[in-house]
Every structure is written in C-alpha cells, then in structure tokens.
C-alpha cells in the first residue's frame, strides 16, 4: 500500500495552463475564423463552425498571468525551479527539491512563458525567458538529459521565436543535440525492467483527484519520439528516423498487449505520433493511427482522457482534423479539471467524500 500527501508540482501546473491557454486560442480562432487551418477542413461541419462560441478571453489570460507569476516564485537558491511542494490543509510549507539533479522538466515553464509573451508582450516575461534559458544551459549543458520530457520540442520551438537571440538559440540547439536516447536493444528492455525495479506493480488509472498527488506520473519514455522528431528538424540524421521506428514498434506492442500503461503515457505516445506526422512523415496512415488510438480508449471509457496531457493530445487532433468532436471533448476535459480542482481545494473527492492523505492500493 502506498500513501501520498497532497502536492503541487510545476510540471503539472505548466501542463494545466498550457491546456487552458490552448483551449482559449483554439476556441477564439474557431469563432472568429482567424486561423486558416480551421476553415472548412470538413465541409459537413461548416454550420457547426459558424456557431458562436462565447469565451471570456480576459479570464483565461488572468489565470495564465497569475499562474506564471506563481511559478516564477518557485525557485531554489540557485534560481532554478524546484521540483514541487508538499502541502497540508493550510499551507504548502515543505519544499521538495534536489539541488544536484534539479527539475529537468523546468524548461517547459519557460516555453509556456514565451508563448504567453508572444501574445501579450509584457517585458518582464521576456526577461524571465532569457534568464531561464541561461540558467538551464549552465546547469545542464554537461549533464544527462535523457529523462527530460520534450527537451528537443521546447528548445526547437523556442529557437524559432524572433524574440530569442542567436546566442541563446545556439544554446537551445546544443542541449537538444546532446540528449541521449535508448539503443534498440534497450528500448525493448525498458518497460519490463521498469516494472522489475518497481517490484512488478501496476498503478490504477489516474484521475484528477490522484493526479495532483503525483510529482510525475507519466514517463518520458513515451515522449521520446516527439523529441526525436524535433531533433531531426535540427540534424536531419537518418539515425533519428531509425530510432523513431524502433520506439514506435515497441510502444505500439506494449499498448496492444495492455501492459499497464496509464492514459497520460498513451497520450504522450499519441502526441509523438502526431509530431512525426507534422515533422517527418505526412502520410495519412500516421494521422489515422493517432485517431484510432484515441477511438480505442474513448470507446472503452469516456473518462479515460480526463487529464491535461490528454487534453494536449486531443487539441492536436482537433487542429489536424477540424472535427468538432475533439473540440467538445477538450471543453469537457477542461471543465472537469477545473471542477475537480475546486473539489480538491474543499477537501472533497469526485464522489463528495472528504479525504486528506490518500491510500492507493497497488494492483
């Protein structure tokens, strides 16, 4: 039996705000017709796309602003982001940090902030972005970043910004190109060995009430294809494509054989497939694979995708297909996340029962 205390963690909060900001952007473009890729991708849905969607943009922007301001305060003595905080009923008084290893996912917060700056142009955000890039580079330029989620994705996308200077773009590129990936034989051994190290346990499907109890429930292994796809944009090395195929075949096999993979990891894999479709292979078979992956789990459990990472996956499906069902699902996920977060703040679970510490039985 495992016992977890309530925690608030940076990777989770950054992901949540990314979903909320993404949802706003999509809905705003959907309503106004400002995004070319939303225009009549499916003519059968023209009427639906012309329906008014009411959004209060200011509220979403305020949430993003307050969240980014809070994240900026969650730093250790070195100035880099802490891993998280352990929270009681009244305060989040215990800082959880490893100064040596640090928060290897913290650059995601910088990526989110740069996206926010490009929309709102508050100078303080750009200053923080530049400071963060240097802090991350100086701390990790000679370290192992193999377990850093989306390192190549966020560094590549930040490097495309006109607001990042060449020196920092070179640093971002260097970080990505240095990231190591598993060889083919280690790819096949990774998941079985992970379970062996964990004593052969499998965890229950995640829910929002449990989601905030985890520092990092997902595994960067399932996001490796995304990083290889973005690394390929920088290096055009055929070895990247070979590794992508190896990761893809292994993860696909794990999912088909139902090897206790939770929804967040499935969605990381779905995002990875869409990143291959976007950056390397434009064949419809790759897009259709992601669509079928979504359909497979949605048909089995309509609550399966209720977490922020799956929200990002569904947002990408909507961008690429224009199908309204994905937009509706994204809206439902966001409503559920906010609702369950409010229940948690009141000390309630999904079914209204009060909880403090939570006992989770290991399967």
Protein backbone atom coordinates (compact mmCIF):
# COMPACT_ATOMS: atom_id res chain seq x y z
CA UNK A 1 0.00 0.00 0.00
CA UNK A 2 1.25 3.46 -0.92
CA UNK A 3 0.44 6.66 0.95
CA UNK A 4 0.68 10.01 -0.80
CA UNK A 5 0.28 13.52 0.54
CA UNK A 6 -1.13 16.37 -1.44
CA UNK A 7 1.42 18.01 -3.68
CA UNK A 8 1.50 20.93 -6.09
CA UNK A 9 4.11 20.47 -8.78
CA UNK A 10 5.48 22.61 -11.57
CA UNK A 11 5.23 20.16 -14.48
CA UNK A 12 1.55 19.58 -13.66
CA UNK A 13 0.70 23.26 -13.33
CA UNK A 14 2.53 24.18 -16.53
CA UNK A 15 0.67 21.48 -18.40
CA UNK A 16 -2.68 22.60 -16.99
CA UNK A 17 -2.14 26.20 -18.01
CA UNK A 18 -0.91 25.11 -21.44
CA UNK A 19 -4.18 23.26 -21.96
CA UNK A 20 -6.28 26.21 -20.79
CA UNK A 21 -4.38 28.67 -22.96
CA UNK A 22 -4.52 26.29 -25.90
CA UNK A 23 -8.25 25.80 -25.49
CA UNK A 24 -8.78 29.55 -25.48
CA UNK A 25 -6.68 30.04 -28.59
CA UNK A 26 -8.45 27.24 -30.46
CA UNK A 27 -11.93 28.40 -29.48
CA UNK A 28 -11.15 32.02 -30.27
CA UNK A 29 -9.83 31.11 -33.71
CA UNK A 30 -12.74 28.75 -34.24
CA UNK A 31 -15.25 31.52 -33.53
CA UNK A 32 -13.56 34.32 -35.46
CA UNK A 33 -12.16 32.35 -38.40
CA UNK A 34 -8.71 33.86 -37.84
CA UNK A 35 -6.86 30.54 -38.29
CA UNK A 36 -6.63 29.26 -41.90
CA UNK A 37 -6.31 25.66 -40.77
CA UNK A 38 -9.75 25.87 -39.17
CA UNK A 39 -11.50 26.93 -42.37
CA UNK A 40 -13.75 24.24 -43.82
CA UNK A 41 -11.41 21.33 -43.16
CA UNK A 42 -14.59 19.30 -43.15
CA UNK A 43 -17.37 20.91 -45.21
CA UNK A 44 -20.02 18.87 -43.38
CA UNK A 45 -19.24 20.90 -40.28
CA UNK A 46 -19.47 24.37 -41.82
CA UNK A 47 -22.68 25.16 -39.96
CA UNK A 48 -21.22 23.98 -36.68
CA UNK A 49 -18.07 26.07 -37.21
CA UNK A 50 -20.15 29.21 -37.70
CA UNK A 51 -21.93 28.81 -34.37
CA UNK A 52 -20.94 31.42 -31.81
CA UNK A 53 -18.72 30.17 -29.00
CA UNK A 54 -18.77 32.50 -26.04
CA UNK A 55 -15.49 32.88 -24.21
CA UNK A 56 -14.24 35.44 -21.79
CA UNK A 57 -10.66 35.83 -23.01
CA UNK A 58 -9.75 38.11 -20.13
CA UNK A 59 -10.49 35.41 -17.56
CA UNK A 60 -8.23 32.90 -19.28
CA UNK A 61 -5.47 35.48 -19.61
CA UNK A 62 -5.74 36.35 -15.92
CA UNK A 63 -5.44 32.69 -14.94
CA UNK A 64 -2.35 32.31 -17.14
CA UNK A 65 -0.84 35.53 -15.75
CA UNK A 66 -1.33 34.52 -12.11
CA UNK A 67 -0.04 31.01 -12.73
CA UNK A 68 3.13 32.21 -14.43
CA UNK A 69 3.73 34.72 -11.65
CA UNK A 70 3.38 31.96 -9.06
CA UNK A 71 5.71 29.62 -10.97
CA UNK A 72 8.37 32.34 -11.11
CA UNK A 73 8.49 32.32 -7.30
CA UNK A 74 9.03 28.56 -7.05
CA UNK A 75 12.82 28.62 -7.31
CA UNK A 76 15.70 27.33 -5.20
CA UNK A 77 18.79 29.21 -4.05
CA UNK A 78 20.43 28.73 -7.46
CA UNK A 79 17.49 30.44 -9.13
CA UNK A 80 16.25 27.32 -10.92
CA UNK A 81 12.79 25.80 -10.44
CA UNK A 82 12.18 23.48 -7.50
CA UNK A 83 10.58 20.08 -8.06
CA UNK A 84 7.49 20.83 -6.02
CA UNK A 85 5.96 21.38 -2.60
CA UNK A 86 4.24 19.10 -0.13
CA UNK A 87 1.03 20.72 1.01
CA UNK A 88 -1.05 20.30 4.14
CA UNK A 89 -4.57 21.54 4.74
CA UNK A 90 -3.44 25.12 5.37
CA UNK A 91 -0.12 25.67 3.64
CA UNK A 92 2.41 24.28 1.16
CA UNK A 93 5.24 24.54 3.63
CA UNK A 94 7.61 21.69 2.67
CA UNK A 95 9.78 22.36 -0.39
CA UNK A 96 10.71 19.28 -2.39
CA UNK A 97 13.95 19.84 -4.25
CA UNK A 98 17.10 18.03 -5.34
CA UNK A 99 19.74 20.65 -5.98
CA UNK A 100 22.05 18.23 -7.77
CA UNK A 101 19.52 16.64 -10.13
CA UNK A 102 17.15 19.59 -10.16
CA UNK A 103 14.00 19.99 -12.22
CA UNK A 104 14.90 18.74 -15.70
CA UNK A 105 11.36 19.47 -16.92
CA UNK A 106 11.51 23.10 -15.79
CA UNK A 107 12.24 24.43 -19.28
CA UNK A 108 8.61 23.61 -20.13
CA UNK A 109 7.68 26.54 -17.87
CA UNK A 110 9.98 28.78 -19.92
CA UNK A 111 8.40 27.55 -23.16
CA UNK A 112 4.91 28.30 -21.79
CA UNK A 113 6.03 31.77 -20.71
CA UNK A 114 7.50 32.56 -24.14
CA UNK A 115 4.20 31.55 -25.75
CA UNK A 116 2.42 33.90 -23.36
CA UNK A 117 4.87 36.72 -24.13
CA UNK A 118 4.31 36.39 -27.87
CA UNK A 119 0.63 37.09 -27.28
CA UNK A 120 0.82 39.79 -24.61
CA UNK A 121 4.31 41.36 -24.87
CA UNK A 122 4.93 42.09 -21.20
CA UNK A 123 8.64 42.82 -20.99
CA UNK A 124 9.10 41.04 -17.66
CA UNK A 125 8.19 37.72 -19.29
CA UNK A 126 10.85 38.03 -21.98
CA UNK A 127 13.44 38.89 -19.34
CA UNK A 128 12.49 35.77 -17.36
CA UNK A 129 12.66 33.63 -20.52
CA UNK A 130 16.20 34.80 -21.27
CA UNK A 131 17.27 34.27 -17.66
CA UNK A 132 15.74 30.79 -17.61
CA UNK A 133 17.49 29.69 -20.80
CA UNK A 134 20.87 30.68 -19.39
CA UNK A 135 20.13 29.07 -16.02
CA UNK A 136 19.08 25.79 -17.62
CA UNK A 137 22.03 25.76 -20.02
CA UNK A 138 24.60 26.48 -17.32
CA UNK A 139 23.15 23.82 -15.03
CA UNK A 140 22.61 21.04 -17.55
CA UNK A 141 24.96 21.55 -20.51
CA UNK A 142 27.20 18.72 -19.27
CA UNK A 143 24.50 16.60 -17.56
CA UNK A 144 22.42 13.63 -18.64
CA UNK A 145 19.12 14.93 -20.01
CA UNK A 146 17.85 11.64 -21.38
CA UNK A 147 14.89 11.70 -18.98
CA UNK A 148 13.89 15.30 -19.63
CA UNK A 149 10.41 15.46 -21.14
CA UNK A 150 10.13 17.23 -24.52
CA UNK A 151 13.58 18.81 -24.30
CA UNK A 152 14.01 18.96 -28.08
CA UNK A 153 10.42 20.04 -28.68
CA UNK A 154 10.53 23.04 -26.35
CA UNK A 155 14.08 24.08 -27.29
CA UNK A 156 13.33 23.88 -31.02
CA UNK A 157 10.08 25.81 -30.77
CA UNK A 158 11.66 28.50 -28.58
CA UNK A 159 14.52 28.79 -31.05
CA UNK A 160 12.02 29.70 -33.78
CA UNK A 161 10.98 32.83 -31.89
CA UNK A 162 12.22 36.16 -33.16
CA UNK A 163 12.48 37.29 -29.54
CA UNK A 164 15.27 34.82 -28.70
CA UNK A 165 18.74 35.95 -29.82
CA UNK A 166 21.17 33.78 -31.80
CA UNK A 167 23.46 33.03 -28.86
CA UNK A 168 20.59 31.58 -26.86
CA UNK A 169 19.23 29.73 -29.90
CA UNK A 170 22.63 28.06 -30.23
CA UNK A 171 22.45 27.03 -26.56
CA UNK A 172 18.98 25.55 -27.07
CA UNK A 173 20.16 23.60 -30.11
CA UNK A 174 23.20 22.28 -28.26
CA UNK A 175 21.04 21.00 -25.41
CA UNK A 176 18.81 19.06 -27.79
CA UNK A 177 21.61 17.58 -29.86
CA UNK A 178 23.32 16.32 -26.70
CA UNK A 179 20.25 14.45 -25.49
CA UNK A 180 20.84 10.70 -25.50
CA UNK A 181 18.22 8.13 -26.49
CA UNK A 182 17.99 4.39 -25.89
CA UNK A 183 19.53 1.93 -28.34
CA UNK A 184 17.24 -0.63 -29.97
CA UNK A 185 18.01 -3.42 -27.52
CA UNK A 186 17.49 -1.11 -24.52
CA UNK A 187 14.18 0.15 -25.94
CA UNK A 188 12.85 -3.42 -25.82
CA UNK A 189 14.05 -3.90 -22.24
CA UNK A 190 12.99 -0.54 -20.82
CA UNK A 191 9.39 -1.18 -19.78
CA UNK A 192 9.90 -4.73 -18.40
CA UNK A 193 12.91 -3.54 -16.39
CA UNK A 194 10.97 -0.55 -15.10
CA UNK A 195 8.34 -2.89 -13.65
CA UNK A 196 11.02 -5.13 -12.22
CA UNK A 197 12.61 -2.18 -10.40
CA UNK A 198 9.16 -1.17 -9.13
CA UNK A 199 8.53 -4.64 -7.75
CA UNK A 200 6.20 -5.61 -10.57
CA UNK A 201 3.45 -3.20 -9.56
CA UNK A 202 0.97 -1.50 -11.84
CA UNK A 203 -0.85 1.61 -10.73
CA UNK A 204 -4.58 2.32 -11.06
CA UNK A 205 -5.77 4.58 -13.90
CA UNK A 206 -5.15 8.20 -12.98
CA UNK A 207 -7.93 10.59 -12.01
CA UNK A 208 -7.67 14.30 -11.27
CA UNK A 209 -8.10 13.66 -7.56
CA UNK A 210 -4.98 11.48 -7.68
CA UNK A 211 -3.21 13.41 -10.43
CA UNK A 212 -2.14 16.24 -8.14
CA UNK A 213 -0.68 13.69 -5.74
CA UNK A 214 1.98 12.67 -8.21
CA UNK A 215 5.24 14.52 -8.89
CA UNK A 216 5.44 12.92 -12.30
CA UNK A 217 3.09 10.06 -13.06
CA UNK A 218 3.97 9.89 -16.75
CA UNK A 219 7.21 8.52 -18.17
CA UNK A 220 9.42 10.48 -20.60
CA UNK A 221 9.98 7.18 -22.46
CA UNK A 222 6.61 7.66 -24.17
CA UNK A 223 7.56 11.19 -25.28
CA UNK A 224 10.90 10.16 -26.79
CA UNK A 225 9.51 10.02 -30.32
CA UNK A 226 8.46 13.67 -30.05
CA UNK A 227 12.00 14.70 -29.14
CA UNK A 228 13.50 12.58 -31.92
CA UNK A 229 11.13 14.21 -34.44
CA UNK A 230 12.23 17.69 -33.35
CA UNK A 231 15.88 16.67 -33.16
CA UNK A 232 15.53 15.56 -36.77
CA UNK A 233 14.45 19.07 -37.74
CA UNK A 234 17.82 20.30 -36.48
CA UNK A 235 20.12 17.49 -37.58
CA UNK A 236 18.39 15.57 -40.42
CA UNK A 237 20.26 12.47 -39.24
CA UNK A 238 18.70 9.25 -40.54
CA UNK A 239 19.54 7.59 -37.22
CA UNK A 240 16.73 9.67 -35.72
CA UNK A 241 14.21 8.08 -38.08
CA UNK A 242 15.51 4.58 -37.33
CA UNK A 243 15.15 5.20 -33.59
CA UNK A 244 11.65 6.64 -34.07
CA UNK A 245 10.60 3.41 -35.79
CA UNK A 246 12.12 1.31 -33.01
CA UNK A 247 10.38 3.28 -30.26
CA UNK A 248 7.12 3.25 -32.19
CA UNK A 249 7.06 -0.52 -32.72
CA UNK A 250 7.87 -1.24 -29.08
CA UNK A 251 5.32 1.16 -27.59
CA UNK A 252 2.65 0.06 -30.04
CA UNK A 253 3.30 -3.52 -28.96
CA UNK A 254 3.05 -2.58 -25.27
CA UNK A 255 -0.31 -0.88 -25.83
CA UNK A 256 -1.71 -3.72 -27.92
CA UNK A 257 -0.74 -6.20 -25.21
CA UNK A 258 -2.22 -3.96 -22.47
CA UNK A 259 0.97 -3.70 -20.44
CA UNK A 260 -0.48 -1.48 -17.70
CA UNK A 261 0.10 1.83 -19.45
CA UNK A 262 -1.89 4.72 -17.98
CA UNK A 263 -3.69 7.34 -20.01
CA UNK A 264 -1.01 10.02 -19.71
CA UNK A 265 1.61 7.77 -21.30
CA UNK A 266 -0.82 6.69 -24.03
CA UNK A 267 -1.46 10.37 -24.80
CA UNK A 268 2.26 11.19 -24.79
CA UNK A 269 2.62 8.45 -27.40
CA UNK A 270 -0.33 9.83 -29.37
CA UNK A 271 1.26 13.29 -29.38
CA UNK A 272 4.52 11.69 -30.51
CA UNK A 273 2.82 10.07 -33.50
CA UNK A 274 1.29 13.41 -34.47
CA UNK A 275 4.71 15.07 -34.18
CA UNK A 276 6.07 12.51 -36.63
CA UNK A 277 3.15 13.29 -38.93
CA UNK A 278 3.84 17.02 -38.64
CA UNK A 279 7.63 16.99 -38.98
CA UNK A 280 8.68 13.83 -40.84
CA UNK A 281 6.01 11.66 -42.43
CA UNK A 282 2.89 13.32 -43.85
CA UNK A 283 1.19 10.06 -44.80
CA UNK A 284 -2.44 9.73 -43.77
CA UNK A 285 -1.65 6.37 -42.15
CA UNK A 286 0.28 8.14 -39.37
CA UNK A 287 -2.58 10.55 -38.67
CA UNK A 288 -5.11 7.72 -38.83
CA UNK A 289 -3.08 5.73 -36.32
CA UNK A 290 -3.44 8.53 -33.75
CA UNK A 291 -7.14 8.85 -34.48
CA UNK A 292 -7.64 5.11 -33.96
CA UNK A 293 -5.60 5.29 -30.76
CA UNK A 294 -8.00 7.93 -29.46
CA UNK A 295 -11.08 5.99 -30.59
CA UNK A 296 -9.86 2.78 -28.97
CA UNK A 297 -9.71 4.24 -25.48
CA UNK A 298 -12.58 6.70 -25.81
CA UNK A 299 -14.91 3.87 -26.77
CA UNK A 300 -13.87 1.88 -23.70
CA UNK A 301 -14.06 4.70 -21.13
CA UNK A 302 -15.30 8.23 -21.74
CA UNK A 303 -13.39 9.43 -18.63
CA UNK A 304 -10.08 7.95 -19.77
CA UNK A 305 -8.69 11.20 -21.19
CA UNK A 306 -9.51 13.45 -18.23
CA UNK A 307 -6.02 14.81 -17.60
CA UNK A 308 -4.06 17.75 -19.03
CA UNK A 309 -1.63 15.73 -21.16
CA UNK A 310 -4.52 14.01 -22.93
CA UNK A 311 -6.05 17.45 -23.38
CA UNK A 312 -2.97 18.42 -25.38
CA UNK A 313 -3.29 15.25 -27.48
CA UNK A 314 -6.95 15.96 -28.25
CA UNK A 315 -6.19 19.58 -29.05
CA UNK A 316 -3.67 18.41 -31.67
CA UNK A 317 -6.23 16.04 -33.17
CA UNK A 318 -8.66 18.93 -33.49
CA UNK A 319 -6.02 21.13 -35.14
CA UNK A 320 -5.26 18.46 -37.73
CA UNK A 321 -8.78 17.24 -38.48
CA UNK A 322 -11.08 20.15 -37.67
CA UNK A 323 -13.59 17.65 -36.27
CA UNK A 324 -15.85 19.24 -33.68
CA UNK A 325 -15.99 16.13 -31.50
CA UNK A 326 -12.41 16.80 -30.39
CA UNK A 327 -13.24 20.40 -29.54
CA UNK A 328 -16.22 19.25 -27.48
CA UNK A 329 -14.06 16.69 -25.69
CA UNK A 330 -11.39 19.30 -24.94
CA UNK A 331 -14.00 21.62 -23.45
CA UNK A 332 -15.37 18.76 -21.32
CA UNK A 333 -11.88 17.90 -20.05
CA UNK A 334 -11.17 21.50 -19.08
CA UNK A 335 -14.48 21.79 -17.24
CA UNK A 336 -13.79 18.53 -15.40
CA UNK A 337 -10.24 19.58 -14.46
CA UNK A 338 -11.43 22.88 -13.03
CA UNK A 339 -14.36 21.27 -11.24
CA UNK A 340 -12.27 18.54 -9.64
CA UNK A 341 -9.56 21.02 -8.71
CA UNK A 342 -12.18 23.05 -6.85
CA UNK A 343 -13.40 19.89 -5.08
CA UNK A 344 -9.85 19.13 -4.04
CA UNK A 345 -9.47 22.62 -2.58
CA UNK A 346 -12.59 21.92 -0.49
CA UNK A 347 -11.12 18.59 0.64
CA UNK A 348 -13.56 16.51 -1.40
CA UNK A 349 -13.06 13.64 -3.80
CA UNK A 350 -15.02 13.15 -7.02
CA UNK A 351 -17.87 11.44 -5.19
CA UNK A 352 -18.05 14.11 -2.49
CA UNK A 353 -16.24 12.15 0.21
CA UNK A 354 -13.67 14.01 2.29
CA UNK A 355 -10.03 12.99 2.02
CA UNK A 356 -6.70 14.21 3.32
CA UNK A 357 -3.99 11.62 2.89
CA UNK A 358 -4.98 9.06 0.29
CA UNK A 359 -4.24 5.33 0.43
CA UNK A 360 -3.78 3.80 -3.00
CA UNK A 361 -3.79 0.01 -3.17
CA UNK A 362 -1.19 -1.36 -5.54
CA UNK A 363 -2.62 -3.80 -8.03
